[in-house]
Amino acid sequence: MPIAAGWMLLLPLSAGAMLPTQAGCNGQIARHISSFMGASLISFSVGTLAIFIVTLCLRELPSVTALKGLNAWQWSTGMMGAFYICTAVLVAPKIGASLFMALILAGQLTMAITLDHFGWAGYKQTPISLEKIAGVLLIFVGVILIRRG
């Protein structure tokens, strides 16, 4: 692998490491303000503001014409993110970081091999293989082991 591509592996690894921390911090906010929806709103608002500022600095605000060309399912991505944040705020503090993240990973990989197999959401079509199915099943075994531990 070329050295320049190494950062493309470190970014998702770093982003993944932030997810349990984010869920825990959001849970603390929810307890402090007595509202899991309020904590989700704070999280999303701060993230939206940060992305807005970076987008402004990079001069990459989308045009109205470009926005009009989006499909309904493309607009739903914000709802998917909101669902994740609300779920994390509500569930993670109750079941713990390990089990929460194992379940998130199981869901992510199950959907990922499905998206790849059908080439949905703009992904390159790659068929499901027995190895991929076995990998996802091992993640589910991990969920069971973490739950029992």
Protein backbone atom coordinates (compact mmCIF):
# COMPACT_ATOMS: atom_id res chain seq x y z
CA MET A 1 0.00 0.00 0.00
CA PRO A 2 1.38 3.43 -0.86
CA ILE A 3 2.39 5.58 2.09
CA ALA A 4 -0.05 8.33 1.05
CA ALA A 5 -2.95 5.89 1.48
CA GLY A 6 -2.02 5.18 5.11
CA TRP A 7 -3.91 8.22 6.37
CA MET A 8 -7.04 6.83 4.70
CA LEU A 9 -6.81 3.88 7.07
CA LEU A 10 -5.99 5.99 10.13
CA LEU A 11 -8.96 8.34 9.68
CA PRO A 12 -11.68 5.66 10.00
CA LEU A 13 -9.72 3.97 12.78
CA SER A 14 -9.60 7.29 14.65
CA ALA A 15 -13.24 8.04 13.91
CA GLY A 16 -14.19 4.60 15.20
CA ALA A 17 -12.21 5.19 18.39
CA MET A 18 -14.17 8.39 18.96
CA LEU A 19 -17.60 6.71 18.79
CA PRO A 20 -17.62 5.13 22.26
CA THR A 21 -16.16 8.31 23.74
CA GLN A 22 -18.84 10.38 22.01
CA ALA A 23 -21.58 8.05 23.26
CA GLY A 24 -20.28 8.29 26.83
CA CYS A 25 -19.96 12.08 26.74
CA ASN A 26 -23.44 12.42 25.24
CA GLY A 27 -24.78 10.16 28.01
CA GLN A 28 -23.19 12.46 30.59
CA ILE A 29 -24.81 15.48 28.94
CA ALA A 30 -28.18 13.67 28.99
CA ARG A 31 -27.86 12.95 32.71
CA HIS A 32 -26.76 16.51 33.43
CA ILE A 33 -29.68 18.12 31.58
CA SER A 34 -32.14 15.25 32.23
CA SER A 35 -32.96 14.77 28.56
CA PHE A 36 -31.58 12.28 26.06
CA MET A 37 -33.21 14.20 23.20
CA GLY A 38 -31.73 17.46 24.48
CA ALA A 39 -28.29 15.86 24.63
CA SER A 40 -28.76 14.58 21.08
CA LEU A 41 -29.72 18.08 19.97
CA ILE A 42 -26.63 19.56 21.60
CA SER A 43 -24.40 16.95 19.97
CA PHE A 44 -25.91 17.44 16.53
CA SER A 45 -25.92 21.24 16.84
CA VAL A 46 -22.25 21.44 17.81
CA GLY A 47 -21.34 19.03 15.01
CA THR A 48 -23.44 20.95 12.49
CA LEU A 49 -21.81 24.23 13.50
CA ALA A 50 -18.32 22.71 13.21
CA ILE A 51 -19.03 21.28 9.76
CA PHE A 52 -20.63 24.58 8.66
CA ILE A 53 -17.53 26.55 9.71
CA VAL A 54 -15.15 24.13 7.96
CA THR A 55 -17.35 24.15 4.83
CA LEU A 56 -17.32 27.95 4.82
CA CYS A 57 -13.55 28.05 5.27
CA LEU A 58 -13.07 25.60 2.39
CA ARG A 59 -15.59 27.55 0.29
CA GLU A 60 -17.53 24.38 -0.41
CA LEU A 61 -21.11 25.40 0.37
CA PRO A 62 -23.40 23.55 -2.05
CA SER A 63 -25.49 25.54 -4.49
CA VAL A 64 -29.28 25.54 -4.33
CA THR A 65 -29.30 23.91 -7.77
CA ALA A 66 -27.12 21.05 -6.52
CA LEU A 67 -29.37 20.58 -3.47
CA LYS A 68 -32.47 20.41 -5.64
CA GLY A 69 -30.96 17.45 -7.50
CA LEU A 70 -30.75 15.23 -4.41
CA ASN A 71 -33.12 12.27 -4.04
CA ALA A 72 -35.30 11.78 -0.97
CA TRP A 73 -33.16 8.89 0.30
CA GLN A 74 -30.06 11.10 0.03
CA TRP A 75 -31.71 13.67 2.32
CA SER A 76 -32.39 10.88 4.83
CA THR A 77 -28.71 10.63 5.79
CA GLY A 78 -29.18 13.32 8.41
CA MET A 79 -31.99 11.27 9.94
CA MET A 80 -29.69 8.24 10.02
CA GLY A 81 -27.08 10.25 11.91
CA ALA A 82 -29.72 11.59 14.29
CA PHE A 83 -30.99 8.05 14.90
CA TYR A 84 -27.46 6.92 15.76
CA ILE A 85 -26.86 9.83 18.14
CA CYS A 86 -30.23 9.41 19.90
CA THR A 87 -29.69 5.66 20.20
CA ALA A 88 -26.18 6.16 21.56
CA VAL A 89 -27.34 8.71 24.13
CA LEU A 90 -30.24 6.53 25.27
CA VAL A 91 -28.73 3.03 25.14
CA ALA A 92 -24.93 3.22 25.54
CA PRO A 93 -24.90 4.39 29.18
CA LYS A 94 -27.31 1.57 30.09
CA ILE A 95 -25.54 -1.34 28.38
CA GLY A 96 -21.92 -0.12 28.47
CA ALA A 97 -19.45 0.97 25.82
CA SER A 98 -18.25 -2.53 24.88
CA LEU A 99 -21.63 -4.09 24.20
CA PHE A 100 -22.95 -0.94 22.56
CA MET A 101 -20.00 -0.72 20.17
CA ALA A 102 -20.07 -4.46 19.43
CA LEU A 103 -23.73 -4.17 18.44
CA ILE A 104 -23.00 -1.05 16.37
CA LEU A 105 -20.17 -2.89 14.61
CA ALA A 106 -22.37 -5.93 13.95
CA GLY A 107 -25.04 -3.69 12.42
CA GLN A 108 -22.49 -1.74 10.39
CA LEU A 109 -20.84 -4.82 8.93
CA THR A 110 -24.13 -6.56 8.19
CA MET A 111 -25.30 -3.52 6.25
CA ALA A 112 -21.88 -2.99 4.67
CA ILE A 113 -21.75 -6.42 3.05
CA THR A 114 -25.34 -5.94 1.88
CA LEU A 115 -24.55 -2.53 0.36
CA ASP A 116 -21.43 -3.93 -1.32
CA HIS A 117 -23.25 -6.98 -2.65
CA PHE A 118 -25.97 -4.96 -4.35
CA GLY A 119 -23.87 -1.88 -5.10
CA TRP A 120 -26.39 0.31 -3.28
CA ALA A 121 -25.71 3.87 -2.06
CA GLY A 122 -22.95 4.36 -4.61
CA TYR A 123 -20.70 1.53 -3.45
CA LYS A 124 -18.76 -0.62 -5.89
CA GLN A 125 -20.62 -3.90 -6.29
CA THR A 126 -18.74 -6.76 -4.65
CA PRO A 127 -20.44 -10.08 -4.07
CA ILE A 128 -21.06 -11.49 -0.63
CA SER A 129 -18.71 -14.36 0.09
CA LEU A 130 -18.65 -17.09 2.68
CA GLU A 131 -15.63 -15.37 4.24
CA LYS A 132 -17.56 -12.11 4.66
CA ILE A 133 -20.54 -13.91 6.14
CA ALA A 134 -18.22 -15.79 8.51
CA GLY A 135 -16.59 -12.50 9.53
CA VAL A 136 -19.96 -10.95 10.37
CA LEU A 137 -21.04 -14.09 12.24
CA LEU A 138 -17.84 -13.87 14.29
CA ILE A 139 -18.75 -10.30 15.20
CA PHE A 140 -22.13 -11.58 16.43
CA VAL A 141 -20.32 -14.27 18.45
CA GLY A 142 -18.28 -11.41 19.90
CA VAL A 143 -21.49 -9.61 20.84
CA ILE A 144 -22.68 -12.72 22.69
CA LEU A 145 -19.33 -13.10 24.49
CA ILE A 146 -19.24 -9.43 25.48
CA ARG A 147 -22.84 -9.63 26.71
CA ARG A 148 -22.03 -12.68 28.85
CA GLY A 149 -18.76 -11.22 30.20
